[in-house]
Amino acid sequence: MTDSAAFAALVELCARLRAPDGCPWDREQTLESLRAYIIEEAYEVVDAIGDPRPGQLAGELGDLLFQIVFVAQIAREKGWFDIAEVCEGIRSKMVRRHPHVFGDVEVDDAAH
């Protein structure tokens, strides 16, 4: 499965969980109720960075990514934004912050 197909499948999964015939627990979640899960998953990613088993980090990154996509699904339902806007927003921000890579600015090292 390609990166884009895998990501699209995750986005579809989150929409299905929140659908009228989806999971009752997932449909009841709100942005407020998810706050603790997002923090918990972020801490678990940090802990997994020091774990010698790479699969641990992959699993924890997946858990955090799920939370991000799930929150974006709730935002989509509210008409605020969707995950595509989140991705495009961060992509544009990183391009702006790296003119030495995506523009004509030259740097000598990481400090400049």
PDB file of N, CA and C in Angstrom:
ATOM      1  N   MET A   1       0.855  -1.173   0.000  1.00  0.00           N
ATOM      2  CA  MET A   1       0.000   0.000   0.000  1.00  0.00           C
ATOM      3  C   MET A   1       0.900   1.235   0.000  1.00  0.00           C
ATOM      4  N   THR A   2       0.561   2.208  -0.814  1.00  0.00           N
ATOM      5  CA  THR A   2       1.339   3.445  -0.875  1.00  0.00           C
ATOM      6  C   THR A   2       1.039   4.308   0.353  1.00  0.00           C
ATOM      7  N   ASP A   3       1.914   5.283   0.584  1.00  0.00           N
ATOM      8  CA  ASP A   3       1.685   6.226   1.689  1.00  0.00           C
ATOM      9  C   ASP A   3       0.333   6.906   1.551  1.00  0.00           C
ATOM     10  N   SER A   4       0.032   7.390   0.350  1.00  0.00           N
ATOM     11  CA  SER A   4      -1.225   8.123   0.166  1.00  0.00           C
ATOM     12  C   SER A   4      -2.431   7.207   0.316  1.00  0.00           C
ATOM     13  N   ALA A   5      -2.344   5.969  -0.143  1.00  0.00           N
ATOM     14  CA  ALA A   5      -3.456   5.028   0.012  1.00  0.00           C
ATOM     15  C   ALA A   5      -3.651   4.663   1.483  1.00  0.00           C
ATOM     16  N   ALA A   6      -2.556   4.481   2.199  1.00  0.00           N
ATOM     17  CA  ALA A   6      -2.647   4.148   3.621  1.00  0.00           C
ATOM     18  C   ALA A   6      -3.263   5.308   4.402  1.00  0.00           C
ATOM     19  N   PHE A   7      -2.863   6.528   4.065  1.00  0.00           N
ATOM     20  CA  PHE A   7      -3.414   7.699   4.750  1.00  0.00           C
ATOM     21  C   PHE A   7      -4.897   7.849   4.423  1.00  0.00           C
ATOM     22  N   ALA A   8      -5.254   7.690   3.171  1.00  0.00           N
ATOM     23  CA  ALA A   8      -6.662   7.788   2.765  1.00  0.00           C
ATOM     24  C   ALA A   8      -7.502   6.731   3.476  1.00  0.00           C
ATOM     25  N   ALA A   9      -6.959   5.537   3.636  1.00  0.00           N
ATOM     26  CA  ALA A   9      -7.690   4.478   4.334  1.00  0.00           C
ATOM     27  C   ALA A   9      -7.921   4.840   5.799  1.00  0.00           C
ATOM     28  N   LEU A  10      -6.941   5.485   6.428  1.00  0.00           N
ATOM     29  CA  LEU A  10      -7.099   5.934   7.817  1.00  0.00           C
ATOM     30  C   LEU A  10      -8.161   7.021   7.912  1.00  0.00           C
ATOM     31  N   VAL A  11      -8.150   7.954   6.980  1.00  0.00           N
ATOM     32  CA  VAL A  11      -9.156   9.018   6.962  1.00  0.00           C
ATOM     33  C   VAL A  11     -10.547   8.400   6.805  1.00  0.00           C
ATOM     34  N   GLU A  12     -10.677   7.447   5.905  1.00  0.00           N
ATOM     35  CA  GLU A  12     -11.962   6.767   5.688  1.00  0.00           C
ATOM     36  C   GLU A  12     -12.396   5.999   6.936  1.00  0.00           C
ATOM     37  N   LEU A  13     -11.457   5.357   7.614  1.00  0.00           N
ATOM     38  CA  LEU A  13     -11.766   4.621   8.839  1.00  0.00           C
ATOM     39  C   LEU A  13     -12.339   5.556   9.900  1.00  0.00           C
ATOM     40  N   CYS A  14     -11.728   6.714  10.071  1.00  0.00           N
ATOM     41  CA  CYS A  14     -12.220   7.665  11.073  1.00  0.00           C
ATOM     42  C   CYS A  14     -13.624   8.145  10.724  1.00  0.00           C
ATOM     43  N   ALA A  15     -13.872   8.408   9.452  1.00  0.00           N
ATOM     44  CA  ALA A  15     -15.216   8.814   9.030  1.00  0.00           C
ATOM     45  C   ALA A  15     -16.222   7.707   9.298  1.00  0.00           C
ATOM     46  N   ARG A  16     -15.840   6.477   9.033  1.00  0.00           N
ATOM     47  CA  ARG A  16     -16.737   5.327   9.263  1.00  0.00           C
ATOM     48  C   ARG A  16     -17.033   5.140  10.743  1.00  0.00           C
ATOM     49  N   LEU A  17     -16.028   5.306  11.591  1.00  0.00           N
ATOM     50  CA  LEU A  17     -16.245   5.183  13.033  1.00  0.00           C
ATOM     51  C   LEU A  17     -17.248   6.209  13.538  1.00  0.00           C
ATOM     52  N   ARG A  18     -17.230   7.403  12.936  1.00  0.00           N
ATOM     53  CA  ARG A  18     -18.110   8.492  13.366  1.00  0.00           C
ATOM     54  C   ARG A  18     -19.458   8.491  12.648  1.00  0.00           C
ATOM     55  N   ALA A  19     -19.632   7.641  11.658  1.00  0.00           N
ATOM     56  CA  ALA A  19     -20.867   7.596  10.877  1.00  0.00           C
ATOM     57  C   ALA A  19     -22.036   7.126  11.741  1.00  0.00           C
ATOM     58  N   PRO A  20     -23.268   7.416  11.317  1.00  0.00           N
ATOM     59  CA  PRO A  20     -24.449   6.996  12.088  1.00  0.00           C
ATOM     60  C   PRO A  20     -24.464   5.498  12.406  1.00  0.00           C
ATOM     61  N   ASP A  21     -23.937   4.678  11.500  1.00  0.00           N
ATOM     62  CA  ASP A  21     -23.885   3.237  11.764  1.00  0.00           C
ATOM     63  C   ASP A  21     -22.503   2.793  12.233  1.00  0.00           C
ATOM     64  N   GLY A  22     -21.706   3.745  12.697  1.00  0.00           N
ATOM     65  CA  GLY A  22     -20.360   3.456  13.184  1.00  0.00           C
ATOM     66  C   GLY A  22     -20.372   3.042  14.649  1.00  0.00           C
ATOM     67  N   CYS A  23     -19.314   3.381  15.339  1.00  0.00           N
ATOM     68  CA  CYS A  23     -19.142   2.986  16.745  1.00  0.00           C
ATOM     69  C   CYS A  23     -19.804   4.009  17.672  1.00  0.00           C
ATOM     70  N   PRO A  24     -20.692   3.548  18.545  1.00  0.00           N
ATOM     71  CA  PRO A  24     -21.345   4.493  19.472  1.00  0.00           C
ATOM     72  C   PRO A  24     -20.347   5.282  20.317  1.00  0.00           C
ATOM     73  N   TRP A  25     -19.294   4.631  20.793  1.00  0.00           N
ATOM     74  CA  TRP A  25     -18.308   5.326  21.628  1.00  0.00           C
ATOM     75  C   TRP A  25     -17.612   6.417  20.818  1.00  0.00           C
ATOM     76  N   ASP A  26     -17.166   6.077  19.615  1.00  0.00           N
ATOM     77  CA  ASP A  26     -16.475   7.061  18.780  1.00  0.00           C
ATOM     78  C   ASP A  26     -17.393   8.207  18.383  1.00  0.00           C
ATOM     79  N   ARG A  27     -18.665   7.939  18.134  1.00  0.00           N
ATOM     80  CA  ARG A  27     -19.611   8.995  17.771  1.00  0.00           C
ATOM     81  C   ARG A  27     -19.841   9.963  18.929  1.00  0.00           C
ATOM     82  N   GLU A  28     -19.695   9.484  20.164  1.00  0.00           N
ATOM     83  CA  GLU A  28     -19.907  10.341  21.337  1.00  0.00           C
ATOM     84  C   GLU A  28     -18.715  11.225  21.668  1.00  0.00           C
ATOM     85  N   GLN A  29     -17.564  10.963  21.061  1.00  0.00           N
ATOM     86  CA  GLN A  29     -16.365  11.722  21.406  1.00  0.00           C
ATOM     87  C   GLN A  29     -16.486  13.164  20.910  1.00  0.00           C
ATOM     88  N   THR A  30     -15.897  14.059  21.686  1.00  0.00           N
ATOM     89  CA  THR A  30     -15.859  15.481  21.357  1.00  0.00           C
ATOM     90  C   THR A  30     -14.402  15.935  21.391  1.00  0.00           C
ATOM     91  N   LEU A  31     -14.176  17.149  20.944  1.00  0.00           N
ATOM     92  CA  LEU A  31     -12.817  17.679  21.031  1.00  0.00           C
ATOM     93  C   LEU A  31     -12.346  17.697  22.473  1.00  0.00           C
ATOM     94  N   GLU A  32     -13.219  18.075  23.376  1.00  0.00           N
ATOM     95  CA  GLU A  32     -12.863  18.099  24.805  1.00  0.00           C
ATOM     96  C   GLU A  32     -12.535  16.705  25.328  1.00  0.00           C
ATOM     97  N   SER A  33     -13.336  15.714  24.976  1.00  0.00           N
ATOM     98  CA  SER A  33     -13.115  14.369  25.507  1.00  0.00           C
ATOM     99  C   SER A  33     -11.829  13.746  24.968  1.00  0.00           C
ATOM    100  N   LEU A  34     -11.357  14.229  23.831  1.00  0.00           N
ATOM    101  CA  LEU A  34     -10.147  13.661  23.215  1.00  0.00           C
ATOM    102  C   LEU A  34      -8.857  14.300  23.709  1.00  0.00           C
ATOM    103  N   ARG A  35      -8.956  15.393  24.427  1.00  0.00           N
ATOM    104  CA  ARG A  35      -7.750  16.099  24.877  1.00  0.00           C
ATOM    105  C   ARG A  35      -6.787  15.187  25.631  1.00  0.00           C
ATOM    106  N   ALA A  36      -7.300  14.453  26.593  1.00  0.00           N
ATOM    107  CA  ALA A  36      -6.435  13.585  27.405  1.00  0.00           C
ATOM    108  C   ALA A  36      -5.784  12.491  26.565  1.00  0.00           C
ATOM    109  N   TYR A  37      -6.526  11.960  25.586  1.00  0.00           N
ATOM    110  CA  TYR A  37      -5.963  10.905  24.736  1.00  0.00           C
ATOM    111  C   TYR A  37      -4.819  11.444  23.880  1.00  0.00           C
ATOM    112  N   ILE A  38      -4.978  12.658  23.383  1.00  0.00           N
ATOM    113  CA  ILE A  38      -3.937  13.256  22.551  1.00  0.00           C
ATOM    114  C   ILE A  38      -2.664  13.461  23.366  1.00  0.00           C
ATOM    115  N   ILE A  39      -2.809  13.980  24.555  1.00  0.00           N
ATOM    116  CA  ILE A  39      -1.646  14.180  25.424  1.00  0.00           C
ATOM    117  C   ILE A  39      -0.994  12.840  25.774  1.00  0.00           C
ATOM    118  N   GLU A  40      -1.817  11.861  26.133  1.00  0.00           N
ATOM    119  CA  GLU A  40      -1.295  10.538  26.486  1.00  0.00           C
ATOM    120  C   GLU A  40      -0.525   9.930  25.325  1.00  0.00           C
ATOM    121  N   GLU A  41      -1.083  10.008  24.124  1.00  0.00           N
ATOM    122  CA  GLU A  41      -0.403   9.425  22.961  1.00  0.00           C
ATOM    123  C   GLU A  41       0.888  10.169  22.646  1.00  0.00           C
ATOM    124  N   ALA A  42       0.911  11.480  22.810  1.00  0.00           N
ATOM    125  CA  ALA A  42       2.141  12.238  22.570  1.00  0.00           C
ATOM    126  C   ALA A  42       3.243  11.803  23.545  1.00  0.00           C
ATOM    127  N   TYR A  43       2.886  11.632  24.810  1.00  0.00           N
ATOM    128  CA  TYR A  43       3.870  11.157  25.787  1.00  0.00           C
ATOM    129  C   TYR A  43       4.360   9.752  25.448  1.00  0.00           C
ATOM    130  N   GLU A  44       3.466   8.914  24.962  1.00  0.00           N
ATOM    131  CA  GLU A  44       3.870   7.557  24.598  1.00  0.00           C
ATOM    132  C   GLU A  44       4.820   7.561  23.404  1.00  0.00           C
ATOM    133  N   VAL A  45       4.649   8.499  22.484  1.00  0.00           N
ATOM    134  CA  VAL A  45       5.597   8.643  21.376  1.00  0.00           C
ATOM    135  C   VAL A  45       6.962   9.035  21.919  1.00  0.00           C
ATOM    136  N   VAL A  46       6.988  10.000  22.822  1.00  0.00           N
ATOM    137  CA  VAL A  46       8.252  10.441  23.412  1.00  0.00           C
ATOM    138  C   VAL A  46       8.951   9.275  24.110  1.00  0.00           C
ATOM    139  N   ASP A  47       8.209   8.506  24.873  1.00  0.00           N
ATOM    140  CA  ASP A  47       8.797   7.348  25.548  1.00  0.00           C
ATOM    141  C   ASP A  47       9.321   6.318  24.547  1.00  0.00           C
ATOM    142  N   ALA A  48       8.582   6.108  23.473  1.00  0.00           N
ATOM    143  CA  ALA A  48       8.976   5.100  22.488  1.00  0.00           C
ATOM    144  C   ALA A  48      10.223   5.507  21.714  1.00  0.00           C
ATOM    145  N   ILE A  49      10.509   6.791  21.646  1.00  0.00           N
ATOM    146  CA  ILE A  49      11.722   7.239  20.954  1.00  0.00           C
ATOM    147  C   ILE A  49      12.957   6.614  21.598  1.00  0.00           C
ATOM    148  N   GLY A  50      12.936   6.411  22.891  1.00  0.00           N
ATOM    149  CA  GLY A  50      14.064   5.800  23.579  1.00  0.00           C
ATOM    150  C   GLY A  50      14.032   4.280  23.603  1.00  0.00           C
ATOM    151  N   ASP A  51      12.992   3.668  23.081  1.00  0.00           N
ATOM    152  CA  ASP A  51      12.852   2.209  23.082  1.00  0.00           C
ATOM    153  C   ASP A  51      13.705   1.618  21.958  1.00  0.00           C
ATOM    154  N   PRO A  52      14.473   0.579  22.247  1.00  0.00           N
ATOM    155  CA  PRO A  52      15.330   0.003  21.205  1.00  0.00           C
ATOM    156  C   PRO A  52      14.559  -0.749  20.117  1.00  0.00           C
ATOM    157  N   ARG A  53      13.273  -0.980  20.328  1.00  0.00           N
ATOM    158  CA  ARG A  53      12.467  -1.702  19.333  1.00  0.00           C
ATOM    159  C   ARG A  53      11.750  -0.701  18.422  1.00  0.00           C
ATOM    160  N   PRO A  54      12.147  -0.594  17.159  1.00  0.00           N
ATOM    161  CA  PRO A  54      11.553   0.392  16.254  1.00  0.00           C
ATOM    162  C   PRO A  54      10.038   0.231  16.099  1.00  0.00           C
ATOM    163  N   GLY A  55       9.551  -0.979  16.238  1.00  0.00           N
ATOM    164  CA  GLY A  55       8.113  -1.216  16.116  1.00  0.00           C
ATOM    165  C   GLY A  55       7.312  -0.492  17.179  1.00  0.00           C
ATOM    166  N   GLN A  56       7.908  -0.285  18.341  1.00  0.00           N
ATOM    167  CA  GLN A  56       7.223   0.449  19.402  1.00  0.00           C
ATOM    168  C   GLN A  56       6.943   1.883  18.969  1.00  0.00           C
ATOM    169  N   LEU A  57       7.943   2.528  18.402  1.00  0.00           N
ATOM    170  CA  LEU A  57       7.778   3.891  17.931  1.00  0.00           C
ATOM    171  C   LEU A  57       6.746   3.945  16.808  1.00  0.00           C
ATOM    172  N   ALA A  58       6.811   3.012  15.885  1.00  0.00           N
ATOM    173  CA  ALA A  58       5.835   2.988  14.782  1.00  0.00           C
ATOM    174  C   ALA A  58       4.419   2.867  15.332  1.00  0.00           C
ATOM    175  N   GLY A  59       4.227   1.995  16.299  1.00  0.00           N
ATOM    176  CA  GLY A  59       2.900   1.817  16.885  1.00  0.00           C
ATOM    177  C   GLY A  59       2.404   3.061  17.588  1.00  0.00           C
ATOM    178  N   GLU A  60       3.275   3.696  18.347  1.00  0.00           N
ATOM    179  CA  GLU A  60       2.869   4.910  19.070  1.00  0.00           C
ATOM    180  C   GLU A  60       2.629   6.079  18.125  1.00  0.00           C
ATOM    181  N   LEU A  61       3.435   6.181  17.071  1.00  0.00           N
ATOM    182  CA  LEU A  61       3.168   7.213  16.068  1.00  0.00           C
ATOM    183  C   LEU A  61       1.808   6.984  15.415  1.00  0.00           C
ATOM    184  N   GLY A  62       1.475   5.725  15.185  1.00  0.00           N
ATOM    185  CA  GLY A  62       0.161   5.400  14.636  1.00  0.00           C
ATOM    186  C   GLY A  62      -0.963   5.831  15.556  1.00  0.00           C
ATOM    187  N   ASP A  63      -0.795   5.589  16.849  1.00  0.00           N
ATOM    188  CA  ASP A  63      -1.822   5.993  17.817  1.00  0.00           C
ATOM    189  C   ASP A  63      -2.006   7.515  17.820  1.00  0.00           C
ATOM    190  N   LEU A  64      -0.904   8.246  17.763  1.00  0.00           N
ATOM    191  CA  LEU A  64      -0.985   9.712  17.740  1.00  0.00           C
ATOM    192  C   LEU A  64      -1.586  10.204  16.420  1.00  0.00           C
ATOM    193  N   LEU A  65      -1.172   9.594  15.325  1.00  0.00           N
ATOM    194  CA  LEU A  65      -1.727   9.974  14.024  1.00  0.00           C
ATOM    195  C   LEU A  65      -3.230   9.717  13.991  1.00  0.00           C
ATOM    196  N   PHE A  66      -3.670   8.614  14.572  1.00  0.00           N
ATOM    197  CA  PHE A  66      -5.104   8.349  14.628  1.00  0.00           C
ATOM    198  C   PHE A  66      -5.822   9.486  15.342  1.00  0.00           C
ATOM    199  N   GLN A  67      -5.294   9.925  16.465  1.00  0.00           N
ATOM    200  CA  GLN A  67      -5.931  11.012  17.210  1.00  0.00           C
ATOM    201  C   GLN A  67      -6.023  12.277  16.358  1.00  0.00           C
ATOM    202  N   ILE A  68      -4.981  12.587  15.624  1.00  0.00           N
ATOM    203  CA  ILE A  68      -4.969  13.781  14.774  1.00  0.00           C
ATOM    204  C   ILE A  68      -6.033  13.668  13.686  1.00  0.00           C
ATOM    205  N   VAL A  69      -6.076  12.533  13.011  1.00  0.00           N
ATOM    206  CA  VAL A  69      -7.053  12.346  11.937  1.00  0.00           C
ATOM    207  C   VAL A  69      -8.466  12.320  12.501  1.00  0.00           C
ATOM    208  N   PHE A  70      -8.638  11.723  13.673  1.00  0.00           N
ATOM    209  CA  PHE A  70      -9.954  11.641  14.305  1.00  0.00           C
ATOM    210  C   PHE A  70     -10.455  13.037  14.691  1.00  0.00           C
ATOM    211  N   VAL A  71      -9.584  13.861  15.251  1.00  0.00           N
ATOM    212  CA  VAL A  71      -9.958  15.236  15.594  1.00  0.00           C
ATOM    213  C   VAL A  71     -10.302  16.008  14.319  1.00  0.00           C
ATOM    214  N   ALA A  72      -9.536  15.815  13.265  1.00  0.00           N
ATOM    215  CA  ALA A  72      -9.838  16.490  11.998  1.00  0.00           C
ATOM    216  C   ALA A  72     -11.188  16.041  11.443  1.00  0.00           C
ATOM    217  N   GLN A  73     -11.555  14.792  11.678  1.00  0.00           N
ATOM    218  CA  GLN A  73     -12.869  14.310  11.240  1.00  0.00           C
ATOM    219  C   GLN A  73     -13.984  15.046  11.993  1.00  0.00           C
ATOM    220  N   ILE A  74     -13.814  15.233  13.275  1.00  0.00           N
ATOM    221  CA  ILE A  74     -14.810  15.978  14.054  1.00  0.00           C
ATOM    222  C   ILE A  74     -14.892  17.414  13.535  1.00  0.00           C
ATOM    223  N   ALA A  75     -13.738  18.016  13.260  1.00  0.00           N
ATOM    224  CA  ALA A  75     -13.718  19.385  12.727  1.00  0.00           C
ATOM    225  C   ALA A  75     -14.427  19.439  11.369  1.00  0.00           C
ATOM    226  N   ARG A  76     -14.228  18.417  10.566  1.00  0.00           N
ATOM    227  CA  ARG A  76     -14.913  18.355   9.262  1.00  0.00           C
ATOM    228  C   ARG A  76     -16.418  18.310   9.446  1.00  0.00           C
ATOM    229  N   GLU A  77     -16.861  17.501  10.394  1.00  0.00           N
ATOM    230  CA  GLU A  77     -18.293  17.399  10.668  1.00  0.00           C
ATOM    231  C   GLU A  77     -18.873  18.733  11.108  1.00  0.00           C
ATOM    232  N   LYS A  78     -18.059  19.540  11.790  1.00  0.00           N
ATOM    233  CA  LYS A  78     -18.499  20.861  12.246  1.00  0.00           C
ATOM    234  C   LYS A  78     -18.408  21.913  11.142  1.00  0.00           C
ATOM    235  N   GLY A  79     -17.822  21.538  10.005  1.00  0.00           N
ATOM    236  CA  GLY A  79     -17.658  22.475   8.905  1.00  0.00           C
ATOM    237  C   GLY A  79     -16.486  23.418   9.069  1.00  0.00           C
ATOM    238  N   TRP A  80     -15.562  23.095   9.948  1.00  0.00           N
ATOM    239  CA  TRP A  80     -14.418  23.965  10.235  1.00  0.00           C
ATOM    240  C   TRP A  80     -13.290  23.790   9.221  1.00  0.00           C
ATOM    241  N   PHE A  81     -12.816  22.564   9.054  1.00  0.00           N
ATOM    242  CA  PHE A  81     -11.719  22.231   8.149  1.00  0.00           C
ATOM    243  C   PHE A  81     -11.662  20.719   8.047  1.00  0.00           C
ATOM    244  N   ASP A  82     -10.839  20.223   7.137  1.00  0.00           N
ATOM    245  CA  ASP A  82     -10.647  18.782   7.050  1.00  0.00           C
ATOM    246  C   ASP A  82      -9.154  18.459   7.089  1.00  0.00           C
ATOM    247  N   ILE A  83      -8.836  17.182   7.051  1.00  0.00           N
ATOM    248  CA  ILE A  83      -7.432  16.765   7.188  1.00  0.00           C
ATOM    249  C   ILE A  83      -6.594  17.255   6.004  1.00  0.00           C
ATOM    250  N   ALA A  84      -7.204  17.405   4.832  1.00  0.00           N
ATOM    251  CA  ALA A  84      -6.454  17.928   3.687  1.00  0.00           C
ATOM    252  C   ALA A  84      -5.983  19.351   3.966  1.00  0.00           C
ATOM    253  N   GLU A  85      -6.834  20.161   4.585  1.00  0.00           N
ATOM    254  CA  GLU A  85      -6.441  21.531   4.935  1.00  0.00           C
ATOM    255  C   GLU A  85      -5.331  21.527   5.983  1.00  0.00           C
ATOM    256  N   VAL A  86      -5.395  20.600   6.922  1.00  0.00           N
ATOM    257  CA  VAL A  86      -4.340  20.480   7.930  1.00  0.00           C
ATOM    258  C   VAL A  86      -3.010  20.148   7.246  1.00  0.00           C
ATOM    259  N   CYS A  87      -3.050  19.168   6.348  1.00  0.00           N
ATOM    260  CA  CYS A  87      -1.826  18.760   5.650  1.00  0.00           C
ATOM    261  C   CYS A  87      -1.274  19.885   4.786  1.00  0.00           C
ATOM    262  N   GLU A  88      -2.140  20.550   4.037  1.00  0.00           N
ATOM    263  CA  GLU A  88      -1.684  21.642   3.186  1.00  0.00           C
ATOM    264  C   GLU A  88      -1.156  22.808   4.014  1.00  0.00           C
ATOM    265  N   GLY A  89      -1.802  23.076   5.137  1.00  0.00           N
ATOM    266  CA  GLY A  89      -1.338  24.152   6.006  1.00  0.00           C
ATOM    267  C   GLY A  89       0.061  23.910   6.534  1.00  0.00           C
ATOM    268  N   ILE A  90       0.330  22.703   6.992  1.00  0.00           N
ATOM    269  CA  ILE A  90       1.664  22.421   7.537  1.00  0.00           C
ATOM    270  C   ILE A  90       2.695  22.314   6.417  1.00  0.00           C
ATOM    271  N   ARG A  91       2.300  21.820   5.251  1.00  0.00           N
ATOM    272  CA  ARG A  91       3.223  21.767   4.125  1.00  0.00           C
ATOM    273  C   ARG A  91       3.634  23.184   3.721  1.00  0.00           C
ATOM    274  N   SER A  92       2.665  24.081   3.604  1.00  0.00           N
ATOM    275  CA  SER A  92       2.974  25.472   3.244  1.00  0.00           C
ATOM    276  C   SER A  92       3.853  26.135   4.286  1.00  0.00           C
ATOM    277  N   LYS A  93       3.564  25.888   5.557  1.00  0.00           N
ATOM    278  CA  LYS A  93       4.367  26.474   6.636  1.00  0.00           C
ATOM    279  C   LYS A  93       5.817  25.994   6.563  1.00  0.00           C
ATOM    280  N   MET A  94       6.021  24.717   6.332  1.00  0.00           N
ATOM    281  CA  MET A  94       7.386  24.182   6.263  1.00  0.00           C
ATOM    282  C   MET A  94       8.135  24.714   5.054  1.00  0.00           C
ATOM    283  N   VAL A  95       7.430  24.914   3.928  1.00  0.00           N
ATOM    284  CA  VAL A  95       8.082  25.515   2.755  1.00  0.00           C
ATOM    285  C   VAL A  95       8.529  26.938   3.089  1.00  0.00           C
ATOM    286  N   ARG A  96       7.647  27.707   3.742  1.00  0.00           N
ATOM    287  CA  ARG A  96       8.016  29.085   4.123  1.00  0.00           C
ATOM    288  C   ARG A  96       9.190  29.099   5.087  1.00  0.00           C
ATOM    289  N   ARG A  97       9.238  28.148   5.995  1.00  0.00           N
ATOM    290  CA  ARG A  97      10.313  28.118   7.001  1.00  0.00           C
ATOM    291  C   ARG A  97      11.628  27.568   6.474  1.00  0.00           C
ATOM    292  N   HIS A  98      11.623  27.063   5.267  1.00  0.00           N
ATOM    293  CA  HIS A  98      12.835  26.474   4.688  1.00  0.00           C
ATOM    294  C   HIS A  98      13.147  27.081   3.317  1.00  0.00           C
ATOM    295  N   PRO A  99      13.347  28.399   3.270  1.00  0.00           N
ATOM    296  CA  PRO A  99      13.649  29.018   1.975  1.00  0.00           C
ATOM    297  C   PRO A  99      14.998  28.559   1.423  1.00  0.00           C
ATOM    298  N   HIS A 100      15.847  28.043   2.273  1.00  0.00           N
ATOM    299  CA  HIS A 100      17.138  27.527   1.842  1.00  0.00           C
ATOM    300  C   HIS A 100      16.987  26.190   1.113  1.00  0.00           C
ATOM    301  N   VAL A 101      15.860  25.541   1.271  1.00  0.00           N
ATOM    302  CA  VAL A 101      15.596  24.284   0.579  1.00  0.00           C
ATOM    303  C   VAL A 101      14.664  24.518  -0.614  1.00  0.00           C
ATOM    304  N   PHE A 102      13.619  25.320  -0.410  1.00  0.00           N
ATOM    305  CA  PHE A 102      12.583  25.508  -1.417  1.00  0.00           C
ATOM    306  C   PHE A 102      12.664  26.863  -2.130  1.00  0.00           C
ATOM    307  N   GLY A 103      13.664  27.661  -1.804  1.00  0.00           N
ATOM    308  CA  GLY A 103      13.824  28.983  -2.422  1.00  0.00           C
ATOM    309  C   GLY A 103      15.255  29.206  -2.825  1.00  0.00           C
ATOM    310  N   ASP A 104      15.653  30.462  -2.817  1.00  0.00           N
ATOM    311  CA  ASP A 104      17.014  30.796  -3.265  1.00  0.00           C
ATOM    312  C   ASP A 104      17.925  31.296  -2.148  1.00  0.00           C
ATOM    313  N   VAL A 105      17.529  31.091  -0.895  1.00  0.00           N
ATOM    314  CA  VAL A 105      18.367  31.478   0.241  1.00  0.00           C
ATOM    315  C   VAL A 105      19.451  30.405   0.423  1.00  0.00           C
ATOM    316  N   GLU A 106      20.683  30.870   0.704  1.00  0.00           N
ATOM    317  CA  GLU A 106      21.767  29.924   0.932  1.00  0.00           C
ATOM    318  C   GLU A 106      22.197  29.968   2.385  1.00  0.00           C
ATOM    319  N   VAL A 107      22.467  28.813   2.953  1.00  0.00           N
ATOM    320  CA  VAL A 107      22.962  28.719   4.331  1.00  0.00           C
ATOM    321  C   VAL A 107      24.196  27.835   4.348  1.00  0.00           C
ATOM    322  N   ASP A 108      25.049  28.071   5.349  1.00  0.00           N
ATOM    323  CA  ASP A 108      26.285  27.296   5.463  1.00  0.00           C
ATOM    324  C   ASP A 108      26.149  26.108   6.404  1.00  0.00           C
ATOM    325  N   ASP A 109      25.283  26.256   7.426  1.00  0.00           N
ATOM    326  CA  ASP A 109      25.129  25.203   8.411  1.00  0.00           C
ATOM    327  C   ASP A 109      23.789  25.338   9.124  1.00  0.00           C
ATOM    328  N   ALA A 110      23.532  24.495  10.088  1.00  0.00           N
ATOM    329  CA  ALA A 110      22.248  24.482  10.789  1.00  0.00           C
ATOM    330  C   ALA A 110      22.001  25.740  11.607  1.00  0.00           C
ATOM    331  N   ALA A 111      23.054  26.451  11.978  1.00  0.00           N
ATOM    332  CA  ALA A 111      22.917  27.648  12.795  1.00  0.00           C
ATOM    333  C   ALA A 111      22.484  28.874  11.983  1.00  0.00           C
ATOM    334  N   HIS A 112      22.571  28.815  10.689  1.00  0.00           N
ATOM    335  CA  HIS A 112      22.280  29.994   9.845  1.00  0.00           C
ATOM    336  C   HIS A 112      21.163  29.719   8.882  1.00  0.00           C
TER     337      HIS A 112
END
